[in-house]
Structure formats: C-alpha cells, structure tokens
Amino acid sequence: MRTGNFEKTSPKKTNDPSTTVEPATTLHDEGKFLRILTELPGIAEEKIKIDLENHATSVTIIASDTAVQYKKVITIPFEVRFCKKRFSEGVLELTLEKTNPAPHLTIV
C-alpha cells in the first residue's frame, strides 16, 4: 500500500505517428500541493499546451511535433490552481496547489 502517491501510468503507443499517445505520468499528493510528472520525450517546451482553469478538477496536457502527439487528461478529486511549471530533459513537472485541501489520498 502506498500513501500520498497516485499510481504511475505507462505510455500507450502505436506504430502510427498520427495516433495520439498517452504519456507516462506520475502524480504525487504532497499535502497542500499536487505534483504531476509527465514524460514527453522528443518534445520542445514551446510545443506543450496545458489546460487548467483556476479551481479546476482536471488538467489536460497536449504536446506534439511532426512525429508524435501526446495527450493526457488527469481528473483530480479536489479543486486546484496552477502554482509552478518546469520542463527539463523531456519531463514536464507541474505543481498545483489545492484550493480546498483534502486529506492525503491513499492508493491501495
């Protein structure tokens, strides 16, 4: 049993470059904050679009270049607002602040 962390998802790929790929993503519940790590290999930072409105309960990440398109929709069980973004070596890190903090989530 893991406490305070969401499960990591693995990428889903096909051989068709026009197909959307779901990137590997890990979520970490850190009390007042939620940290999302998404692997986007081969993508330039300016090709990443993040859709999150204040007090949202979902995040959509879309990134694409000529060879691949990544898309990840993450539903969050509490309201969050954007806090910080970092992109380094093909990994997007988003830090979101819980606007109405809930207790740590437990994943069984």
PDB file of N, CA and C in Angstrom:
ATOM      1  N   MET A   1       0.848  -1.178   0.000  1.00  0.00           N
ATOM      2  CA  MET A   1       0.000   0.000   0.000  1.00  0.00           C
ATOM      3  C   MET A   1       0.884   1.228   0.000  1.00  0.00           C
ATOM      4  N   ARG A   2       0.536   2.213  -0.857  1.00  0.00           N
ATOM      5  CA  ARG A   2       1.277   3.463  -0.907  1.00  0.00           C
ATOM      6  C   ARG A   2       0.383   4.571  -0.389  1.00  0.00           C
ATOM      7  N   THR A   3       0.934   5.449   0.426  1.00  0.00           N
ATOM      8  CA  THR A   3       0.174   6.562   0.962  1.00  0.00           C
ATOM      9  C   THR A   3       0.681   7.857   0.354  1.00  0.00           C
ATOM     10  N   GLY A   4      -0.220   8.712  -0.085  1.00  0.00           N
ATOM     11  CA  GLY A   4       0.153  10.023  -0.568  1.00  0.00           C
ATOM     12  C   GLY A   4       0.631  10.072  -2.001  1.00  0.00           C
ATOM     13  N   ASN A   5       0.644   8.981  -2.719  1.00  0.00           N
ATOM     14  CA  ASN A   5       1.059   8.981  -4.110  1.00  0.00           C
ATOM     15  C   ASN A   5       0.003   8.308  -4.968  1.00  0.00           C
ATOM     16  N   PHE A   6      -0.153   8.813  -6.173  1.00  0.00           N
ATOM     17  CA  PHE A   6      -1.020   8.178  -7.137  1.00  0.00           C
ATOM     18  C   PHE A   6      -0.189   7.159  -7.900  1.00  0.00           C
ATOM     19  N   GLU A   7      -0.825   6.308  -8.631  1.00  0.00           N
ATOM     20  CA  GLU A   7      -0.105   5.317  -9.413  1.00  0.00           C
ATOM     21  C   GLU A   7       0.467   5.946 -10.670  1.00  0.00           C
ATOM     22  N   LYS A   8       1.568   5.377 -11.157  1.00  0.00           N
ATOM     23  CA  LYS A   8       2.184   5.814 -12.398  1.00  0.00           C
ATOM     24  C   LYS A   8       1.515   5.079 -13.549  1.00  0.00           C
ATOM     25  N   THR A   9       1.235   5.819 -14.619  1.00  0.00           N
ATOM     26  CA  THR A   9       0.683   5.191 -15.810  1.00  0.00           C
ATOM     27  C   THR A   9       1.797   5.070 -16.835  1.00  0.00           C
ATOM     28  N   SER A  10       1.761   4.031 -17.634  1.00  0.00           N
ATOM     29  CA  SER A  10       2.756   3.816 -18.683  1.00  0.00           C
ATOM     30  C   SER A  10       2.237   4.350 -19.996  1.00  0.00           C
ATOM     31  N   PRO A  11       3.155   4.721 -20.904  1.00  0.00           N
ATOM     32  CA  PRO A  11       2.697   5.238 -22.186  1.00  0.00           C
ATOM     33  C   PRO A  11       2.003   4.172 -23.008  1.00  0.00           C
ATOM     34  N   LYS A  12       1.022   4.591 -23.768  1.00  0.00           N
ATOM     35  CA  LYS A  12       0.324   3.695 -24.686  1.00  0.00           C
ATOM     36  C   LYS A  12       0.696   4.140 -26.086  1.00  0.00           C
ATOM     37  N   LYS A  13       1.400   3.300 -26.858  1.00  0.00           N
ATOM     38  CA  LYS A  13       1.898   3.676 -28.173  1.00  0.00           C
ATOM     39  C   LYS A  13       1.342   2.775 -29.262  1.00  0.00           C
ATOM     40  N   THR A  14       1.336   3.353 -30.465  1.00  0.00           N
ATOM     41  CA  THR A  14       1.055   2.577 -31.663  1.00  0.00           C
ATOM     42  C   THR A  14       2.138   2.920 -32.666  1.00  0.00           C
ATOM     43  N   ASN A  15       2.198   2.212 -33.799  1.00  0.00           N
ATOM     44  CA  ASN A  15       3.190   2.494 -34.824  1.00  0.00           C
ATOM     45  C   ASN A  15       2.766   3.618 -35.766  1.00  0.00           C
ATOM     46  N   ASP A  16       1.556   4.120 -35.650  1.00  0.00           N
ATOM     47  CA  ASP A  16       1.042   5.179 -36.497  1.00  0.00           C
ATOM     48  C   ASP A  16       1.370   6.536 -35.874  1.00  0.00           C
ATOM     49  N   PRO A  17       2.250   7.373 -36.520  1.00  0.00           N
ATOM     50  CA  PRO A  17       2.641   8.644 -35.919  1.00  0.00           C
ATOM     51  C   PRO A  17       1.497   9.646 -35.807  1.00  0.00           C
ATOM     52  N   SER A  18       0.402   9.433 -36.533  1.00  0.00           N
ATOM     53  CA  SER A  18      -0.731  10.346 -36.426  1.00  0.00           C
ATOM     54  C   SER A  18      -1.613  10.017 -35.223  1.00  0.00           C
ATOM     55  N   THR A  19      -1.325   8.919 -34.559  1.00  0.00           N
ATOM     56  CA  THR A  19      -2.103   8.499 -33.409  1.00  0.00           C
ATOM     57  C   THR A  19      -1.627   9.226 -32.153  1.00  0.00           C
ATOM     58  N   THR A  20      -2.542   9.554 -31.293  1.00  0.00           N
ATOM     59  CA  THR A  20      -2.202  10.200 -30.035  1.00  0.00           C
ATOM     60  C   THR A  20      -1.707   9.166 -29.040  1.00  0.00           C
ATOM     61  N   VAL A  21      -0.632   9.526 -28.329  1.00  0.00           N
ATOM     62  CA  VAL A  21      -0.017   8.653 -27.335  1.00  0.00           C
ATOM     63  C   VAL A  21      -0.313   9.225 -25.948  1.00  0.00           C
ATOM     64  N   GLU A  22      -0.689   8.343 -25.032  1.00  0.00           N
ATOM     65  CA  GLU A  22      -0.888   8.773 -23.645  1.00  0.00           C
ATOM     66  C   GLU A  22       0.459   8.653 -22.932  1.00  0.00           C
ATOM     67  N   PRO A  23       1.049   9.779 -22.494  1.00  0.00           N
ATOM     68  CA  PRO A  23       2.382   9.732 -21.898  1.00  0.00           C
ATOM     69  C   PRO A  23       2.385   9.133 -20.491  1.00  0.00           C
ATOM     70  N   ALA A  24       3.535   8.578 -20.121  1.00  0.00           N
ATOM     71  CA  ALA A  24       3.711   8.068 -18.756  1.00  0.00           C
ATOM     72  C   ALA A  24       3.608   9.258 -17.803  1.00  0.00           C
ATOM     73  N   THR A  25       2.806   9.102 -16.760  1.00  0.00           N
ATOM     74  CA  THR A  25       2.539  10.200 -15.830  1.00  0.00           C
ATOM     75  C   THR A  25       2.521   9.675 -14.402  1.00  0.00           C
ATOM     76  N   THR A  26       3.127  10.443 -13.506  1.00  0.00           N
ATOM     77  CA  THR A  26       3.128  10.111 -12.087  1.00  0.00           C
ATOM     78  C   THR A  26       2.580  11.306 -11.317  1.00  0.00           C
ATOM     79  N   LEU A  27       1.680  11.046 -10.371  1.00  0.00           N
ATOM     80  CA  LEU A  27       1.134  12.110  -9.529  1.00  0.00           C
ATOM     81  C   LEU A  27       1.561  11.871  -8.087  1.00  0.00           C
ATOM     82  N   HIS A  28       1.961  12.956  -7.423  1.00  0.00           N
ATOM     83  CA  HIS A  28       2.373  12.872  -6.025  1.00  0.00           C
ATOM     84  C   HIS A  28       1.509  13.829  -5.202  1.00  0.00           C
ATOM     85  N   ASP A  29       0.781  13.289  -4.256  1.00  0.00           N
ATOM     86  CA  ASP A  29      -0.020  14.093  -3.339  1.00  0.00           C
ATOM     87  C   ASP A  29       0.896  14.505  -2.197  1.00  0.00           C
ATOM     88  N   GLU A  30       1.190  15.805  -2.110  1.00  0.00           N
ATOM     89  CA  GLU A  30       2.119  16.316  -1.104  1.00  0.00           C
ATOM     90  C   GLU A  30       1.419  17.250  -0.124  1.00  0.00           C
ATOM     91  N   GLY A  31       0.288  16.806   0.386  1.00  0.00           N
ATOM     92  CA  GLY A  31      -0.451  17.610   1.361  1.00  0.00           C
ATOM     93  C   GLY A  31      -1.198  18.749   0.691  1.00  0.00           C
ATOM     94  N   LYS A  32      -0.663  19.964   0.799  1.00  0.00           N
ATOM     95  CA  LYS A  32      -1.295  21.147   0.227  1.00  0.00           C
ATOM     96  C   LYS A  32      -1.076  21.238  -1.287  1.00  0.00           C
ATOM     97  N   PHE A  33      -0.123  20.462  -1.809  1.00  0.00           N
ATOM     98  CA  PHE A  33       0.226  20.526  -3.222  1.00  0.00           C
ATOM     99  C   PHE A  33       0.067  19.171  -3.897  1.00  0.00           C
ATOM    100  N   LEU A  34      -0.141  19.217  -5.204  1.00  0.00           N
ATOM    101  CA  LEU A  34      -0.172  18.023  -6.043  1.00  0.00           C
ATOM    102  C   LEU A  34       0.897  18.235  -7.109  1.00  0.00           C
ATOM    103  N   ARG A  35       1.814  17.278  -7.231  1.00  0.00           N
ATOM    104  CA  ARG A  35       2.891  17.376  -8.222  1.00  0.00           C
ATOM    105  C   ARG A  35       2.634  16.331  -9.302  1.00  0.00           C
ATOM    106  N   ILE A  36       2.675  16.774 -10.560  1.00  0.00           N
ATOM    107  CA  ILE A  36       2.435  15.902 -11.702  1.00  0.00           C
ATOM    108  C   ILE A  36       3.704  15.855 -12.543  1.00  0.00           C
ATOM    109  N   LEU A  37       4.204  14.648 -12.805  1.00  0.00           N
ATOM    110  CA  LEU A  37       5.366  14.453 -13.668  1.00  0.00           C
ATOM    111  C   LEU A  37       4.902  13.700 -14.903  1.00  0.00           C
ATOM    112  N   THR A  38       5.125  14.280 -16.081  1.00  0.00           N
ATOM    113  CA  THR A  38       4.699  13.675 -17.339  1.00  0.00           C
ATOM    114  C   THR A  38       5.892  13.590 -18.281  1.00  0.00           C
ATOM    115  N   GLU A  39       6.140  12.386 -18.798  1.00  0.00           N
ATOM    116  CA  GLU A  39       7.262  12.166 -19.709  1.00  0.00           C
ATOM    117  C   GLU A  39       6.846  12.507 -21.129  1.00  0.00           C
ATOM    118  N   LEU A  40       7.552  13.476 -21.737  1.00  0.00           N
ATOM    119  CA  LEU A  40       7.264  13.923 -23.099  1.00  0.00           C
ATOM    120  C   LEU A  40       8.564  13.916 -23.909  1.00  0.00           C
ATOM    121  N   PRO A  41       9.150  12.752 -24.156  1.00  0.00           N
ATOM    122  CA  PRO A  41      10.429  12.694 -24.857  1.00  0.00           C
ATOM    123  C   PRO A  41      10.328  13.206 -26.293  1.00  0.00           C
ATOM    124  N   GLY A  42      11.347  13.984 -26.689  1.00  0.00           N
ATOM    125  CA  GLY A  42      11.408  14.481 -28.053  1.00  0.00           C
ATOM    126  C   GLY A  42      10.568  15.717 -28.324  1.00  0.00           C
ATOM    127  N   ILE A  43       9.930  16.267 -27.313  1.00  0.00           N
ATOM    128  CA  ILE A  43       9.061  17.428 -27.489  1.00  0.00           C
ATOM    129  C   ILE A  43       9.774  18.684 -26.988  1.00  0.00           C
ATOM    130  N   ALA A  44       9.672  19.768 -27.746  1.00  0.00           N
ATOM    131  CA  ALA A  44      10.202  21.061 -27.312  1.00  0.00           C
ATOM    132  C   ALA A  44       9.186  21.720 -26.378  1.00  0.00           C
ATOM    133  N   GLU A  45       9.685  22.472 -25.407  1.00  0.00           N
ATOM    134  CA  GLU A  45       8.804  23.083 -24.410  1.00  0.00           C
ATOM    135  C   GLU A  45       7.716  23.955 -25.037  1.00  0.00           C
ATOM    136  N   GLU A  46       8.041  24.669 -26.114  1.00  0.00           N
ATOM    137  CA  GLU A  46       7.051  25.550 -26.740  1.00  0.00           C
ATOM    138  C   GLU A  46       5.938  24.786 -27.451  1.00  0.00           C
ATOM    139  N   LYS A  47       6.064  23.464 -27.563  1.00  0.00           N
ATOM    140  CA  LYS A  47       5.041  22.628 -28.188  1.00  0.00           C
ATOM    141  C   LYS A  47       4.083  22.007 -27.164  1.00  0.00           C
ATOM    142  N   ILE A  48       4.205  22.414 -25.898  1.00  0.00           N
ATOM    143  CA  ILE A  48       3.372  21.857 -24.827  1.00  0.00           C
ATOM    144  C   ILE A  48       2.246  22.828 -24.488  1.00  0.00           C
ATOM    145  N   LYS A  49       1.025  22.309 -24.433  1.00  0.00           N
ATOM    146  CA  LYS A  49      -0.142  23.102 -24.042  1.00  0.00           C
ATOM    147  C   LYS A  49      -0.742  22.471 -22.790  1.00  0.00           C
ATOM    148  N   ILE A  50      -0.968  23.301 -21.783  1.00  0.00           N
ATOM    149  CA  ILE A  50      -1.566  22.839 -20.529  1.00  0.00           C
ATOM    150  C   ILE A  50      -2.887  23.573 -20.351  1.00  0.00           C
ATOM    151  N   ASP A  51      -3.948  22.816 -20.158  1.00  0.00           N
ATOM    152  CA  ASP A  51      -5.270  23.407 -19.972  1.00  0.00           C
ATOM    153  C   ASP A  51      -5.702  23.175 -18.527  1.00  0.00           C
ATOM    154  N   LEU A  52      -5.692  24.265 -17.764  1.00  0.00           N
ATOM    155  CA  LEU A  52      -6.107  24.210 -16.358  1.00  0.00           C
ATOM    156  C   LEU A  52      -6.679  25.567 -16.000  1.00  0.00           C
ATOM    157  N   GLU A  53      -7.926  25.584 -15.649  1.00  0.00           N
ATOM    158  CA  GLU A  53      -8.531  26.822 -15.193  1.00  0.00           C
ATOM    159  C   GLU A  53      -8.446  26.870 -13.675  1.00  0.00           C
ATOM    160  N   ASN A  54      -8.421  28.073 -13.108  1.00  0.00           N
ATOM    161  CA  ASN A  54      -8.384  28.180 -11.651  1.00  0.00           C
ATOM    162  C   ASN A  54      -9.550  27.419 -11.039  1.00  0.00           C
ATOM    163  N   HIS A  55      -9.277  26.789  -9.945  1.00  0.00           N
ATOM    164  CA  HIS A  55     -10.264  25.990  -9.207  1.00  0.00           C
ATOM    165  C   HIS A  55     -10.766  24.816 -10.041  1.00  0.00           C
ATOM    166  N   ALA A  56      -9.907  24.303 -10.909  1.00  0.00           N
ATOM    167  CA  ALA A  56     -10.274  23.189 -11.777  1.00  0.00           C
ATOM    168  C   ALA A  56     -10.144  21.861 -11.047  1.00  0.00           C
ATOM    169  N   THR A  57     -10.795  20.848 -11.594  1.00  0.00           N
ATOM    170  CA  THR A  57     -10.657  19.488 -11.065  1.00  0.00           C
ATOM    171  C   THR A  57     -10.106  18.555 -12.135  1.00  0.00           C
ATOM    172  N   SER A  58      -9.600  19.137 -13.237  1.00  0.00           N
ATOM    173  CA  SER A  58      -8.926  18.318 -14.246  1.00  0.00           C
ATOM    174  C   SER A  58      -7.837  19.137 -14.926  1.00  0.00           C
ATOM    175  N   VAL A  59      -6.838  18.425 -15.428  1.00  0.00           N
ATOM    176  CA  VAL A  59      -5.723  19.023 -16.148  1.00  0.00           C
ATOM    177  C   VAL A  59      -5.605  18.279 -17.473  1.00  0.00           C
ATOM    178  N   THR A  60      -5.447  19.019 -18.564  1.00  0.00           N
ATOM    179  CA  THR A  60      -5.205  18.403 -19.858  1.00  0.00           C
ATOM    180  C   THR A  60      -3.850  18.875 -20.355  1.00  0.00           C
ATOM    181  N   ILE A  61      -3.002  17.912 -20.724  1.00  0.00           N
ATOM    182  CA  ILE A  61      -1.675  18.208 -21.258  1.00  0.00           C
ATOM    183  C   ILE A  61      -1.646  17.683 -22.689  1.00  0.00           C
ATOM    184  N   ILE A  62      -1.318  18.562 -23.640  1.00  0.00           N
ATOM    185  CA  ILE A  62      -1.195  18.175 -25.043  1.00  0.00           C
ATOM    186  C   ILE A  62       0.162  18.662 -25.533  1.00  0.00           C
ATOM    187  N   ALA A  63       0.908  17.784 -26.182  1.00  0.00           N
ATOM    188  CA  ALA A  63       2.214  18.140 -26.731  1.00  0.00           C
ATOM    189  C   ALA A  63       2.388  17.403 -28.043  1.00  0.00           C
ATOM    190  N   SER A  64       2.916  18.101 -29.049  1.00  0.00           N
ATOM    191  CA  SER A  64       3.086  17.422 -30.329  1.00  0.00           C
ATOM    192  C   SER A  64       4.229  18.011 -31.133  1.00  0.00           C
ATOM    193  N   ASP A  65       4.785  17.176 -31.983  1.00  0.00           N
ATOM    194  CA  ASP A  65       5.724  17.600 -33.011  1.00  0.00           C
ATOM    195  C   ASP A  65       5.358  16.836 -34.277  1.00  0.00           C
ATOM    196  N   THR A  66       6.230  16.792 -35.254  1.00  0.00           N
ATOM    197  CA  THR A  66       5.882  16.144 -36.519  1.00  0.00           C
ATOM    198  C   THR A  66       5.784  14.627 -36.416  1.00  0.00           C
ATOM    199  N   ALA A  67       6.407  14.031 -35.393  1.00  0.00           N
ATOM    200  CA  ALA A  67       6.433  12.571 -35.286  1.00  0.00           C
ATOM    201  C   ALA A  67       5.416  11.988 -34.318  1.00  0.00           C
ATOM    202  N   VAL A  68       5.030  12.742 -33.308  1.00  0.00           N
ATOM    203  CA  VAL A  68       4.175  12.170 -32.262  1.00  0.00           C
ATOM    204  C   VAL A  68       3.317  13.255 -31.621  1.00  0.00           C
ATOM    205  N   GLN A  69       2.143  12.843 -31.146  1.00  0.00           N
ATOM    206  CA  GLN A  69       1.301  13.730 -30.346  1.00  0.00           C
ATOM    207  C   GLN A  69       0.981  13.029 -29.039  1.00  0.00           C
ATOM    208  N   TYR A  70       1.214  13.728 -27.937  1.00  0.00           N
ATOM    209  CA  TYR A  70       0.891  13.211 -26.613  1.00  0.00           C
ATOM    210  C   TYR A  70      -0.339  13.936 -26.089  1.00  0.00           C
ATOM    211  N   LYS A  71      -1.189  13.197 -25.388  1.00  0.00           N
ATOM    212  CA  LYS A  71      -2.338  13.818 -24.722  1.00  0.00           C
ATOM    213  C   LYS A  71      -2.618  13.059 -23.438  1.00  0.00           C
ATOM    214  N   LYS A  72      -2.780  13.814 -22.359  1.00  0.00           N
ATOM    215  CA  LYS A  72      -3.094  13.222 -21.056  1.00  0.00           C
ATOM    216  C   LYS A  72      -4.145  14.091 -20.390  1.00  0.00           C
ATOM    217  N   VAL A  73      -5.248  13.479 -19.981  1.00  0.00           N
ATOM    218  CA  VAL A  73      -6.280  14.159 -19.212  1.00  0.00           C
ATOM    219  C   VAL A  73      -6.267  13.538 -17.822  1.00  0.00           C
ATOM    220  N   ILE A  74      -6.088  14.381 -16.811  1.00  0.00           N
ATOM    221  CA  ILE A  74      -5.992  13.907 -15.431  1.00  0.00           C
ATOM    222  C   ILE A  74      -7.155  14.506 -14.647  1.00  0.00           C
ATOM    223  N   THR A  75      -7.983  13.648 -14.082  1.00  0.00           N
ATOM    224  CA  THR A  75      -9.075  14.105 -13.228  1.00  0.00           C
ATOM    225  C   THR A  75      -8.588  14.072 -11.783  1.00  0.00           C
ATOM    226  N   ILE A  76      -8.808  15.164 -11.083  1.00  0.00           N
ATOM    227  CA  ILE A  76      -8.308  15.322  -9.715  1.00  0.00           C
ATOM    228  C   ILE A  76      -9.513  15.403  -8.775  1.00  0.00           C
ATOM    229  N   PRO A  77      -9.478  14.688  -7.652  1.00  0.00           N
ATOM    230  CA  PRO A  77     -10.654  14.643  -6.769  1.00  0.00           C
ATOM    231  C   PRO A  77     -10.816  15.858  -5.849  1.00  0.00           C
ATOM    232  N   PHE A  78     -10.145  16.960  -6.167  1.00  0.00           N
ATOM    233  CA  PHE A  78     -10.286  18.197  -5.407  1.00  0.00           C
ATOM    234  C   PHE A  78      -9.924  19.360  -6.319  1.00  0.00           C
ATOM    235  N   GLU A  79     -10.296  20.574  -5.929  1.00  0.00           N
ATOM    236  CA  GLU A  79     -10.004  21.740  -6.744  1.00  0.00           C
ATOM    237  C   GLU A  79      -8.543  22.145  -6.569  1.00  0.00           C
ATOM    238  N   VAL A  80      -7.920  22.581  -7.680  1.00  0.00           N
ATOM    239  CA  VAL A  80      -6.525  23.014  -7.641  1.00  0.00           C
ATOM    240  C   VAL A  80      -6.364  24.294  -8.453  1.00  0.00           C
ATOM    241  N   ARG A  81      -5.234  24.965  -8.246  1.00  0.00           N
ATOM    242  CA  ARG A  81      -4.852  26.096  -9.080  1.00  0.00           C
ATOM    243  C   ARG A  81      -3.377  25.961  -9.415  1.00  0.00           C
ATOM    244  N   PHE A  82      -3.007  26.516 -10.561  1.00  0.00           N
ATOM    245  CA  PHE A  82      -1.638  26.417 -11.038  1.00  0.00           C
ATOM    246  C   PHE A  82      -0.682  27.124 -10.088  1.00  0.00           C
ATOM    247  N   CYS A  83       0.453  26.490  -9.837  1.00  0.00           N
ATOM    248  CA  CYS A  83       1.458  27.068  -8.954  1.00  0.00           C
ATOM    249  C   CYS A  83       2.796  27.229  -9.678  1.00  0.00           C
ATOM    250  N   LYS A  84       3.273  26.139 -10.329  1.00  0.00           N
ATOM    251  CA  LYS A  84       4.600  26.180 -10.950  1.00  0.00           C
ATOM    252  C   LYS A  84       4.701  25.150 -12.067  1.00  0.00           C
ATOM    253  N   LYS A  85       5.506  25.482 -13.107  1.00  0.00           N
ATOM    254  CA  LYS A  85       5.770  24.564 -14.214  1.00  0.00           C
ATOM    255  C   LYS A  85       7.279  24.515 -14.440  1.00  0.00           C
ATOM    256  N   ARG A  86       7.775  23.304 -14.713  1.00  0.00           N
ATOM    257  CA  ARG A  86       9.187  23.128 -15.053  1.00  0.00           C
ATOM    258  C   ARG A  86       9.269  22.049 -16.121  1.00  0.00           C
ATOM    259  N   PHE A  87      10.131  22.257 -17.123  1.00  0.00           N
ATOM    260  CA  PHE A  87      10.319  21.263 -18.168  1.00  0.00           C
ATOM    261  C   PHE A  87      11.819  21.065 -18.357  1.00  0.00           C
ATOM    262  N   SER A  88      12.265  19.834 -18.153  1.00  0.00           N
ATOM    263  CA  SER A  88      13.697  19.539 -18.252  1.00  0.00           C
ATOM    264  C   SER A  88      13.881  18.106 -18.733  1.00  0.00           C
ATOM    265  N   GLU A  89      14.744  17.936 -19.739  1.00  0.00           N
ATOM    266  CA  GLU A  89      15.111  16.618 -20.251  1.00  0.00           C
ATOM    267  C   GLU A  89      13.896  15.745 -20.577  1.00  0.00           C
ATOM    268  N   GLY A  90      12.885  16.345 -21.193  1.00  0.00           N
ATOM    269  CA  GLY A  90      11.721  15.595 -21.636  1.00  0.00           C
ATOM    270  C   GLY A  90      10.692  15.285 -20.569  1.00  0.00           C
ATOM    271  N   VAL A  91      10.841  15.878 -19.378  1.00  0.00           N
ATOM    272  CA  VAL A  91       9.874  15.642 -18.301  1.00  0.00           C
ATOM    273  C   VAL A  91       9.232  16.964 -17.902  1.00  0.00           C
ATOM    274  N   LEU A  92       7.905  17.004 -17.996  1.00  0.00           N
ATOM    275  CA  LEU A  92       7.135  18.161 -17.560  1.00  0.00           C
ATOM    276  C   LEU A  92       6.749  17.954 -16.101  1.00  0.00           C
ATOM    277  N   GLU A  93       7.045  18.940 -15.274  1.00  0.00           N
ATOM    278  CA  GLU A  93       6.665  18.886 -13.858  1.00  0.00           C
ATOM    279  C   GLU A  93       5.731  20.051 -13.571  1.00  0.00           C
ATOM    280  N   LEU A  94       4.520  19.739 -13.149  1.00  0.00           N
ATOM    281  CA  LEU A  94       3.545  20.748 -12.752  1.00  0.00           C
ATOM    282  C   LEU A  94       3.329  20.650 -11.250  1.00  0.00           C
ATOM    283  N   THR A  95       3.300  21.791 -10.600  1.00  0.00           N
ATOM    284  CA  THR A  95       2.947  21.834  -9.187  1.00  0.00           C
ATOM    285  C   THR A  95       1.645  22.606  -9.081  1.00  0.00           C
ATOM    286  N   LEU A  96       0.649  21.970  -8.494  1.00  0.00           N
ATOM    287  CA  LEU A  96      -0.669  22.568  -8.332  1.00  0.00           C
ATOM    288  C   LEU A  96      -0.972  22.689  -6.849  1.00  0.00           C
ATOM    289  N   GLU A  97      -1.580  23.791  -6.480  1.00  0.00           N
ATOM    290  CA  GLU A  97      -1.961  23.998  -5.083  1.00  0.00           C
ATOM    291  C   GLU A  97      -3.424  23.634  -4.915  1.00  0.00           C
ATOM    292  N   LYS A  98      -3.703  22.854  -3.893  1.00  0.00           N
ATOM    293  CA  LYS A  98      -5.098  22.505  -3.595  1.00  0.00           C
ATOM    294  C   LYS A  98      -5.778  23.746  -3.024  1.00  0.00           C
ATOM    295  N   THR A  99      -6.910  24.124  -3.592  1.00  0.00           N
ATOM    296  CA  THR A  99      -7.614  25.307  -3.097  1.00  0.00           C
ATOM    297  C   THR A  99      -8.525  24.973  -1.926  1.00  0.00           C
ATOM    298  N   ASN A 100      -8.907  23.725  -1.828  1.00  0.00           N
ATOM    299  CA  ASN A 100      -9.719  23.255  -0.719  1.00  0.00           C
ATOM    300  C   ASN A 100      -9.104  21.925  -0.291  1.00  0.00           C
ATOM    301  N   PRO A 101      -7.951  21.994   0.423  1.00  0.00           N
ATOM    302  CA  PRO A 101      -7.181  20.765   0.684  1.00  0.00           C
ATOM    303  C   PRO A 101      -7.993  19.670   1.349  1.00  0.00           C
ATOM    304  N   ALA A 102      -7.825  18.491   0.791  1.00  0.00           N
ATOM    305  CA  ALA A 102      -8.415  17.280   1.358  1.00  0.00           C
ATOM    306  C   ALA A 102      -7.283  16.519   2.023  1.00  0.00           C
ATOM    307  N   PRO A 103      -7.587  15.569   2.847  1.00  0.00           N
ATOM    308  CA  PRO A 103      -6.523  14.747   3.436  1.00  0.00           C
ATOM    309  C   PRO A 103      -5.772  14.010   2.337  1.00  0.00           C
ATOM    310  N   HIS A 104      -4.561  13.536   2.657  1.00  0.00           N
ATOM    311  CA  HIS A 104      -3.798  12.750   1.695  1.00  0.00           C
ATOM    312  C   HIS A 104      -4.649  11.617   1.163  1.00  0.00           C
ATOM    313  N   LEU A 105      -4.491  11.330  -0.124  1.00  0.00           N
ATOM    314  CA  LEU A 105      -5.198  10.212  -0.728  1.00  0.00           C
ATOM    315  C   LEU A 105      -4.383   8.951  -0.520  1.00  0.00           C
ATOM    316  N   THR A 106      -5.056   7.864  -0.320  1.00  0.00           N
ATOM    317  CA  THR A 106      -4.393   6.575  -0.160  1.00  0.00           C
ATOM    318  C   THR A 106      -4.750   5.693  -1.338  1.00  0.00           C
ATOM    319  N   ILE A 107      -3.730   5.170  -2.009  1.00  0.00           N
ATOM    320  CA  ILE A 107      -3.936   4.280  -3.142  1.00  0.00           C
ATOM    321  C   ILE A 107      -3.656   2.867  -2.666  1.00  0.00           C
ATOM    322  N   VAL A 108      -4.607   1.984  -2.866  1.00  0.00           N
ATOM    323  CA  VAL A 108      -4.451   0.598  -2.436  1.00  0.00           C
ATOM    324  C   VAL A 108      -4.099  -0.258  -3.621  1.00  0.00           C
TER     325      VAL A 108
END
